[in-house]
Amino acid sequence: MNDRSRSALHLLLLVPLLLIAAVSSGCTRKIPAASATFDPANPPYTFYNDGETFFLAVDVRTARNIGEKYSFLPLQIALHSKRRDLLTFGRESFVLETADGRHLPLAAASEVRLNYPRVRQDRHFGRVFLGLMRGQFPSPPFILRPLDMFPLPGSGTTPRETMELHPSHVAIGFLYFPISLAEARGVNRLLFRPQDSDEEFVTAVVVTPSDTEAP
């Protein structure tokens, strides 16, 4: 095979790979928070992604008070859609990207119920964030709806798999990820992707500063 033939063969092999890479990279468009600057050594309690189509707030007050012996991380969120149509999302819509690059789906509701005894205490710590969101989204015109993907034990509520939000609704509640507070040091990212969407909304979150001890 001469040099020209080799070059042609290499080109034929390379073109499909380039096409695959282009398609793969274009499957999901990541949308970071418009303003996500903070000091990782002295981070706030609440992190925001307030963009053109969504408002997503992530509060870590509860997570910073659980200690390091538990293998689940509670993140309290508020989600509001600024779109005019119905927003549909599910448990798979939330993924935690850890500081070391792992992608963690939500924990199973049954595992949290059996192995994490602090769900009621978490609701107590969550009252501050709930009050903040009630002030930001007063009723009327807004309606705060419980996320209920991890309902209170004994409440009789079935863990929600999917949820639909009208433009006047704000979903608020806890997400639990299978990672301990000690493992969650540094800058993590909460990824949110609505169902039937190619856009992924990214919110940087610091649960515990990487250079300090957990409380």
C-alpha atoms as a PDB file:
ATOM      1  CA  MET A   1       0.000   0.000   0.000  1.00  0.00           C
ATOM      2  CA  ASN A   2       1.484   3.388  -1.052  1.00  0.00           C
ATOM      3  CA  ASP A   3       1.474   6.578   1.016  1.00  0.00           C
ATOM      4  CA  ARG A   4      -1.560   8.015  -0.782  1.00  0.00           C
ATOM      5  CA  SER A   5      -3.590   4.871  -0.121  1.00  0.00           C
ATOM      6  CA  ARG A   6      -2.577   4.863   3.532  1.00  0.00           C
ATOM      7  CA  SER A   7      -3.613   8.504   3.899  1.00  0.00           C
ATOM      8  CA  ALA A   8      -6.979   7.826   2.294  1.00  0.00           C
ATOM      9  CA  LEU A   9      -7.557   4.838   4.585  1.00  0.00           C
ATOM     10  CA  HIS A  10      -6.644   6.848   7.672  1.00  0.00           C
ATOM     11  CA  LEU A  11      -9.064   9.563   6.584  1.00  0.00           C
ATOM     12  CA  LEU A  12     -11.885   7.049   6.113  1.00  0.00           C
ATOM     13  CA  LEU A  13     -11.275   5.669   9.597  1.00  0.00           C
ATOM     14  CA  LEU A  14     -10.980   9.081  11.191  1.00  0.00           C
ATOM     15  CA  VAL A  15     -14.155  10.665   9.810  1.00  0.00           C
ATOM     16  CA  PRO A  16     -16.615   8.308  11.590  1.00  0.00           C
ATOM     17  CA  LEU A  17     -14.738   8.796  14.866  1.00  0.00           C
ATOM     18  CA  LEU A  18     -14.965  12.565  14.510  1.00  0.00           C
ATOM     19  CA  LEU A  19     -18.675  12.311  13.769  1.00  0.00           C
ATOM     20  CA  ILE A  20     -19.238  10.119  16.822  1.00  0.00           C
ATOM     21  CA  ALA A  21     -17.307  12.535  19.023  1.00  0.00           C
ATOM     22  CA  ALA A  22     -19.273  15.480  17.666  1.00  0.00           C
ATOM     23  CA  VAL A  23     -22.604  13.778  18.291  1.00  0.00           C
ATOM     24  CA  SER A  24     -21.576  12.591  21.762  1.00  0.00           C
ATOM     25  CA  SER A  25     -20.390  16.002  22.847  1.00  0.00           C
ATOM     26  CA  GLY A  26     -23.597  17.573  21.597  1.00  0.00           C
ATOM     27  CA  CYS A  27     -26.022  15.268  23.391  1.00  0.00           C
ATOM     28  CA  THR A  28     -26.137  17.310  26.586  1.00  0.00           C
ATOM     29  CA  ARG A  29     -25.660  21.055  26.842  1.00  0.00           C
ATOM     30  CA  LYS A  30     -24.433  22.007  30.313  1.00  0.00           C
ATOM     31  CA  ILE A  31     -25.761  25.290  31.664  1.00  0.00           C
ATOM     32  CA  PRO A  32     -23.766  26.551  34.653  1.00  0.00           C
ATOM     33  CA  ALA A  33     -25.023  29.079  37.143  1.00  0.00           C
ATOM     34  CA  ALA A  34     -24.825  32.618  35.825  1.00  0.00           C
ATOM     35  CA  SER A  35     -23.139  33.738  39.041  1.00  0.00           C
ATOM     36  CA  ALA A  36     -21.326  31.019  40.947  1.00  0.00           C
ATOM     37  CA  THR A  37     -18.377  32.834  42.446  1.00  0.00           C
ATOM     38  CA  PHE A  38     -17.644  32.151  46.114  1.00  0.00           C
ATOM     39  CA  ASP A  39     -14.743  31.498  48.403  1.00  0.00           C
ATOM     40  CA  PRO A  40     -14.395  27.672  48.745  1.00  0.00           C
ATOM     41  CA  ALA A  41     -12.732  28.198  52.140  1.00  0.00           C
ATOM     42  CA  ASN A  42     -15.697  30.226  53.425  1.00  0.00           C
ATOM     43  CA  PRO A  43     -18.696  29.097  51.352  1.00  0.00           C
ATOM     44  CA  PRO A  44     -22.319  30.179  51.882  1.00  0.00           C
ATOM     45  CA  TYR A  45     -25.101  27.922  53.104  1.00  0.00           C
ATOM     46  CA  THR A  46     -27.180  28.272  49.941  1.00  0.00           C
ATOM     47  CA  PHE A  47     -26.060  27.993  46.329  1.00  0.00           C
ATOM     48  CA  TYR A  48     -28.098  29.231  43.378  1.00  0.00           C
ATOM     49  CA  ASN A  49     -28.565  28.678  39.681  1.00  0.00           C
ATOM     50  CA  ASP A  50     -31.005  31.402  38.693  1.00  0.00           C
ATOM     51  CA  GLY A  51     -31.086  31.350  34.911  1.00  0.00           C
ATOM     52  CA  GLU A  52     -33.503  32.222  32.133  1.00  0.00           C
ATOM     53  CA  THR A  53     -35.543  29.022  32.363  1.00  0.00           C
ATOM     54  CA  PHE A  54     -35.032  27.681  35.911  1.00  0.00           C
ATOM     55  CA  PHE A  55     -34.427  28.737  39.464  1.00  0.00           C
ATOM     56  CA  LEU A  56     -32.607  26.102  41.506  1.00  0.00           C
ATOM     57  CA  ALA A  57     -31.410  26.707  45.056  1.00  0.00           C
ATOM     58  CA  VAL A  58     -29.373  24.136  46.994  1.00  0.00           C
ATOM     59  CA  ASP A  59     -29.037  24.528  50.751  1.00  0.00           C
ATOM     60  CA  VAL A  60     -26.353  22.671  52.735  1.00  0.00           C
ATOM     61  CA  ARG A  61     -27.260  23.825  56.256  1.00  0.00           C
ATOM     62  CA  THR A  62     -28.541  20.360  57.160  1.00  0.00           C
ATOM     63  CA  ALA A  63     -25.629  18.517  55.557  1.00  0.00           C
ATOM     64  CA  ARG A  64     -23.117  20.510  57.590  1.00  0.00           C
ATOM     65  CA  ASN A  65     -24.770  19.438  60.830  1.00  0.00           C
ATOM     66  CA  ILE A  66     -25.069  15.663  60.431  1.00  0.00           C
ATOM     67  CA  GLY A  67     -21.503  14.662  61.286  1.00  0.00           C
ATOM     68  CA  GLU A  68     -19.405  12.184  59.352  1.00  0.00           C
ATOM     69  CA  LYS A  69     -20.752   8.824  60.527  1.00  0.00           C
ATOM     70  CA  TYR A  70     -23.658   8.679  58.074  1.00  0.00           C
ATOM     71  CA  SER A  71     -23.338   7.348  54.536  1.00  0.00           C
ATOM     72  CA  PHE A  72     -26.003   9.637  53.058  1.00  0.00           C
ATOM     73  CA  LEU A  73     -25.750  13.324  52.215  1.00  0.00           C
ATOM     74  CA  PRO A  74     -28.893  15.490  52.521  1.00  0.00           C
ATOM     75  CA  LEU A  75     -29.236  18.443  50.152  1.00  0.00           C
ATOM     76  CA  GLN A  76     -32.317  20.628  50.467  1.00  0.00           C
ATOM     77  CA  ILE A  77     -33.466  22.165  47.191  1.00  0.00           C
ATOM     78  CA  ALA A  78     -36.066  24.537  45.780  1.00  0.00           C
ATOM     79  CA  LEU A  79     -36.901  24.265  42.079  1.00  0.00           C
ATOM     80  CA  HIS A  80     -38.997  26.688  40.035  1.00  0.00           C
ATOM     81  CA  SER A  81     -39.545  26.666  36.290  1.00  0.00           C
ATOM     82  CA  LYS A  82     -39.724  29.965  34.428  1.00  0.00           C
ATOM     83  CA  ARG A  83     -41.026  28.270  31.308  1.00  0.00           C
ATOM     84  CA  ARG A  84     -44.668  28.600  30.316  1.00  0.00           C
ATOM     85  CA  ASP A  85     -45.184  24.896  29.773  1.00  0.00           C
ATOM     86  CA  LEU A  86     -45.343  22.053  32.271  1.00  0.00           C
ATOM     87  CA  LEU A  87     -42.005  20.902  33.702  1.00  0.00           C
ATOM     88  CA  THR A  88     -41.576  17.167  34.232  1.00  0.00           C
ATOM     89  CA  PHE A  89     -38.643  15.647  36.081  1.00  0.00           C
ATOM     90  CA  GLY A  90     -37.867  12.472  37.978  1.00  0.00           C
ATOM     91  CA  ARG A  91     -35.434  10.947  40.404  1.00  0.00           C
ATOM     92  CA  GLU A  92     -32.999  10.325  37.552  1.00  0.00           C
ATOM     93  CA  SER A  93     -33.002  14.062  36.803  1.00  0.00           C
ATOM     94  CA  PHE A  94     -30.674  14.698  39.763  1.00  0.00           C
ATOM     95  CA  VAL A  95     -27.029  13.608  39.816  1.00  0.00           C
ATOM     96  CA  LEU A  96     -24.276  14.684  42.189  1.00  0.00           C
ATOM     97  CA  GLU A  97     -20.893  15.157  40.551  1.00  0.00           C
ATOM     98  CA  THR A  98     -18.344  14.877  43.353  1.00  0.00           C
ATOM     99  CA  ALA A  99     -15.126  16.829  43.651  1.00  0.00           C
ATOM    100  CA  ASP A 100     -13.191  13.740  42.517  1.00  0.00           C
ATOM    101  CA  GLY A 101     -15.335  13.308  39.377  1.00  0.00           C
ATOM    102  CA  ARG A 102     -17.791  10.578  40.396  1.00  0.00           C
ATOM    103  CA  HIS A 103     -21.409  10.817  39.247  1.00  0.00           C
ATOM    104  CA  LEU A 104     -23.845   9.661  41.932  1.00  0.00           C
ATOM    105  CA  PRO A 105     -27.577   9.118  41.373  1.00  0.00           C
ATOM    106  CA  LEU A 106     -30.055   9.626  44.177  1.00  0.00           C
ATOM    107  CA  ALA A 107     -30.060   7.027  46.918  1.00  0.00           C
ATOM    108  CA  ALA A 108     -32.990   4.624  47.005  1.00  0.00           C
ATOM    109  CA  ALA A 109     -35.753   5.888  49.280  1.00  0.00           C
ATOM    110  CA  SER A 110     -35.944   2.478  50.966  1.00  0.00           C
ATOM    111  CA  GLU A 111     -32.227   2.549  51.838  1.00  0.00           C
ATOM    112  CA  VAL A 112     -32.507   5.997  53.390  1.00  0.00           C
ATOM    113  CA  ARG A 113     -35.572   4.946  55.374  1.00  0.00           C
ATOM    114  CA  LEU A 114     -33.819   1.850  56.749  1.00  0.00           C
ATOM    115  CA  ASN A 115     -30.292   3.176  57.271  1.00  0.00           C
ATOM    116  CA  TYR A 116     -30.572   6.892  57.979  1.00  0.00           C
ATOM    117  CA  PRO A 117     -32.362   7.810  61.239  1.00  0.00           C
ATOM    118  CA  ARG A 118     -32.115  11.604  60.875  1.00  0.00           C
ATOM    119  CA  VAL A 119     -34.848  12.342  58.348  1.00  0.00           C
ATOM    120  CA  ARG A 120     -37.054  14.104  60.920  1.00  0.00           C
ATOM    121  CA  GLN A 121     -34.104  16.053  62.317  1.00  0.00           C
ATOM    122  CA  ASP A 122     -33.205  17.125  58.797  1.00  0.00           C
ATOM    123  CA  ARG A 123     -36.673  18.639  58.433  1.00  0.00           C
ATOM    124  CA  HIS A 124     -35.984  20.631  61.603  1.00  0.00           C
ATOM    125  CA  PHE A 125     -32.745  22.068  60.187  1.00  0.00           C
ATOM    126  CA  GLY A 126     -34.538  22.687  56.900  1.00  0.00           C
ATOM    127  CA  ARG A 127     -37.003  25.167  58.400  1.00  0.00           C
ATOM    128  CA  VAL A 128     -34.600  28.079  57.844  1.00  0.00           C
ATOM    129  CA  PHE A 129     -34.315  27.413  54.113  1.00  0.00           C
ATOM    130  CA  LEU A 130     -38.049  26.788  53.876  1.00  0.00           C
ATOM    131  CA  GLY A 131     -38.683  30.192  55.431  1.00  0.00           C
ATOM    132  CA  LEU A 132     -36.308  31.846  52.967  1.00  0.00           C
ATOM    133  CA  MET A 133     -38.082  30.265  50.013  1.00  0.00           C
ATOM    134  CA  ARG A 134     -41.517  31.251  51.342  1.00  0.00           C
ATOM    135  CA  GLY A 135     -40.267  34.819  51.429  1.00  0.00           C
ATOM    136  CA  GLN A 136     -38.900  34.614  47.903  1.00  0.00           C
ATOM    137  CA  PHE A 137     -41.977  32.852  46.483  1.00  0.00           C
ATOM    138  CA  PRO A 138     -44.960  34.234  48.434  1.00  0.00           C
ATOM    139  CA  SER A 139     -48.400  32.663  48.219  1.00  0.00           C
ATOM    140  CA  PRO A 140     -50.167  33.882  46.185  1.00  0.00           C
ATOM    141  CA  PRO A 141     -49.152  33.788  43.376  1.00  0.00           C
ATOM    142  CA  PHE A 142     -46.802  30.874  44.041  1.00  0.00           C
ATOM    143  CA  ILE A 143     -47.584  27.462  45.485  1.00  0.00           C
ATOM    144  CA  LEU A 144     -44.867  25.563  47.360  1.00  0.00           C
ATOM    145  CA  ARG A 145     -45.166  21.823  46.791  1.00  0.00           C
ATOM    146  CA  PRO A 146     -43.318  19.108  48.727  1.00  0.00           C
ATOM    147  CA  LEU A 147     -40.760  17.262  46.644  1.00  0.00           C
ATOM    148  CA  ASP A 148     -41.499  14.042  48.568  1.00  0.00           C
ATOM    149  CA  MET A 149     -38.841  11.905  46.913  1.00  0.00           C
ATOM    150  CA  PHE A 150     -37.847  11.048  50.497  1.00  0.00           C
ATOM    151  CA  PRO A 151     -41.021  11.476  52.577  1.00  0.00           C
ATOM    152  CA  LEU A 152     -41.082  11.377  56.346  1.00  0.00           C
ATOM    153  CA  PRO A 153     -41.090   7.822  57.762  1.00  0.00           C
ATOM    154  CA  GLY A 154     -44.548   6.823  58.941  1.00  0.00           C
ATOM    155  CA  SER A 155     -46.266   9.553  56.931  1.00  0.00           C
ATOM    156  CA  GLY A 156     -47.918   7.055  54.591  1.00  0.00           C
ATOM    157  CA  THR A 157     -46.617   9.026  51.594  1.00  0.00           C
ATOM    158  CA  THR A 158     -45.234   6.976  48.708  1.00  0.00           C
ATOM    159  CA  PRO A 159     -41.816   8.226  47.556  1.00  0.00           C
ATOM    160  CA  ARG A 160     -42.296  10.249  44.417  1.00  0.00           C
ATOM    161  CA  GLU A 161     -40.672   8.938  41.225  1.00  0.00           C
ATOM    162  CA  THR A 162     -41.666  11.807  38.926  1.00  0.00           C
ATOM    163  CA  MET A 163     -43.133  15.264  39.399  1.00  0.00           C
ATOM    164  CA  GLU A 164     -44.861  17.830  37.219  1.00  0.00           C
ATOM    165  CA  LEU A 165     -44.565  21.530  37.980  1.00  0.00           C
ATOM    166  CA  HIS A 166     -46.765  24.311  36.666  1.00  0.00           C
ATOM    167  CA  PRO A 167     -45.144  27.736  36.216  1.00  0.00           C
ATOM    168  CA  SER A 168     -46.685  28.916  39.504  1.00  0.00           C
ATOM    169  CA  HIS A 169     -45.319  25.946  41.463  1.00  0.00           C
ATOM    170  CA  VAL A 170     -42.104  25.648  43.457  1.00  0.00           C
ATOM    171  CA  ALA A 171     -40.909  22.176  44.491  1.00  0.00           C
ATOM    172  CA  ILE A 172     -39.043  22.092  47.777  1.00  0.00           C
ATOM    173  CA  GLY A 173     -37.604  19.199  49.726  1.00  0.00           C
ATOM    174  CA  PHE A 174     -34.617  16.982  50.396  1.00  0.00           C
ATOM    175  CA  LEU A 175     -32.443  14.922  48.086  1.00  0.00           C
ATOM    176  CA  TYR A 176     -30.210  12.191  49.541  1.00  0.00           C
ATOM    177  CA  PHE A 177     -27.076  10.956  47.824  1.00  0.00           C
ATOM    178  CA  PRO A 178     -25.061   7.842  48.779  1.00  0.00           C
ATOM    179  CA  ILE A 179     -21.957   9.634  50.006  1.00  0.00           C
ATOM    180  CA  SER A 180     -20.741  10.640  53.462  1.00  0.00           C
ATOM    181  CA  LEU A 181     -19.992  14.174  54.560  1.00  0.00           C
ATOM    182  CA  ALA A 182     -16.283  13.295  54.755  1.00  0.00           C
ATOM    183  CA  GLU A 183     -16.279  12.151  51.116  1.00  0.00           C
ATOM    184  CA  ALA A 184     -18.088  15.266  49.938  1.00  0.00           C
ATOM    185  CA  ARG A 185     -15.317  17.726  50.741  1.00  0.00           C
ATOM    186  CA  GLY A 186     -14.468  20.354  48.168  1.00  0.00           C
ATOM    187  CA  VAL A 187     -16.532  21.692  45.287  1.00  0.00           C
ATOM    188  CA  ASN A 188     -19.274  19.316  44.143  1.00  0.00           C
ATOM    189  CA  ARG A 189     -21.852  19.995  41.439  1.00  0.00           C
ATOM    190  CA  LEU A 190     -25.544  19.203  41.473  1.00  0.00           C
ATOM    191  CA  LEU A 191     -26.654  18.348  37.951  1.00  0.00           C
ATOM    192  CA  PHE A 192     -30.321  18.752  37.051  1.00  0.00           C
ATOM    193  CA  ARG A 193     -31.746  17.542  33.763  1.00  0.00           C
ATOM    194  CA  PRO A 194     -35.509  17.689  33.083  1.00  0.00           C
ATOM    195  CA  GLN A 195     -37.118  14.749  31.338  1.00  0.00           C
ATOM    196  CA  ASP A 196     -37.024  14.909  27.525  1.00  0.00           C
ATOM    197  CA  SER A 197     -34.395  17.647  27.611  1.00  0.00           C
ATOM    198  CA  ASP A 198     -30.862  17.888  26.260  1.00  0.00           C
ATOM    199  CA  GLU A 199     -29.972  20.642  28.728  1.00  0.00           C
ATOM    200  CA  GLU A 200     -28.294  19.966  32.051  1.00  0.00           C
ATOM    201  CA  PHE A 201     -28.275  22.685  34.706  1.00  0.00           C
ATOM    202  CA  VAL A 202     -25.187  22.801  36.889  1.00  0.00           C
ATOM    203  CA  THR A 203     -25.049  24.228  40.421  1.00  0.00           C
ATOM    204  CA  ALA A 204     -21.728  24.267  42.256  1.00  0.00           C
ATOM    205  CA  VAL A 205     -22.085  23.202  45.888  1.00  0.00           C
ATOM    206  CA  VAL A 206     -19.590  23.212  48.773  1.00  0.00           C
ATOM    207  CA  VAL A 207     -20.887  21.049  51.598  1.00  0.00           C
ATOM    208  CA  THR A 208     -17.714  21.055  53.681  1.00  0.00           C
ATOM    209  CA  PRO A 209     -14.683  23.196  52.844  1.00  0.00           C
ATOM    210  CA  SER A 210     -11.846  20.913  51.804  1.00  0.00           C
ATOM    211  CA  ASP A 211      -9.357  22.484  54.222  1.00  0.00           C
ATOM    212  CA  THR A 212     -11.472  22.322  57.392  1.00  0.00           C
ATOM    213  CA  GLU A 213     -12.997  19.709  59.619  1.00  0.00           C
ATOM    214  CA  ALA A 214     -16.693  19.005  59.481  1.00  0.00           C
ATOM    215  CA  PRO A 215     -18.697  20.376  62.413  1.00  0.00           C
END
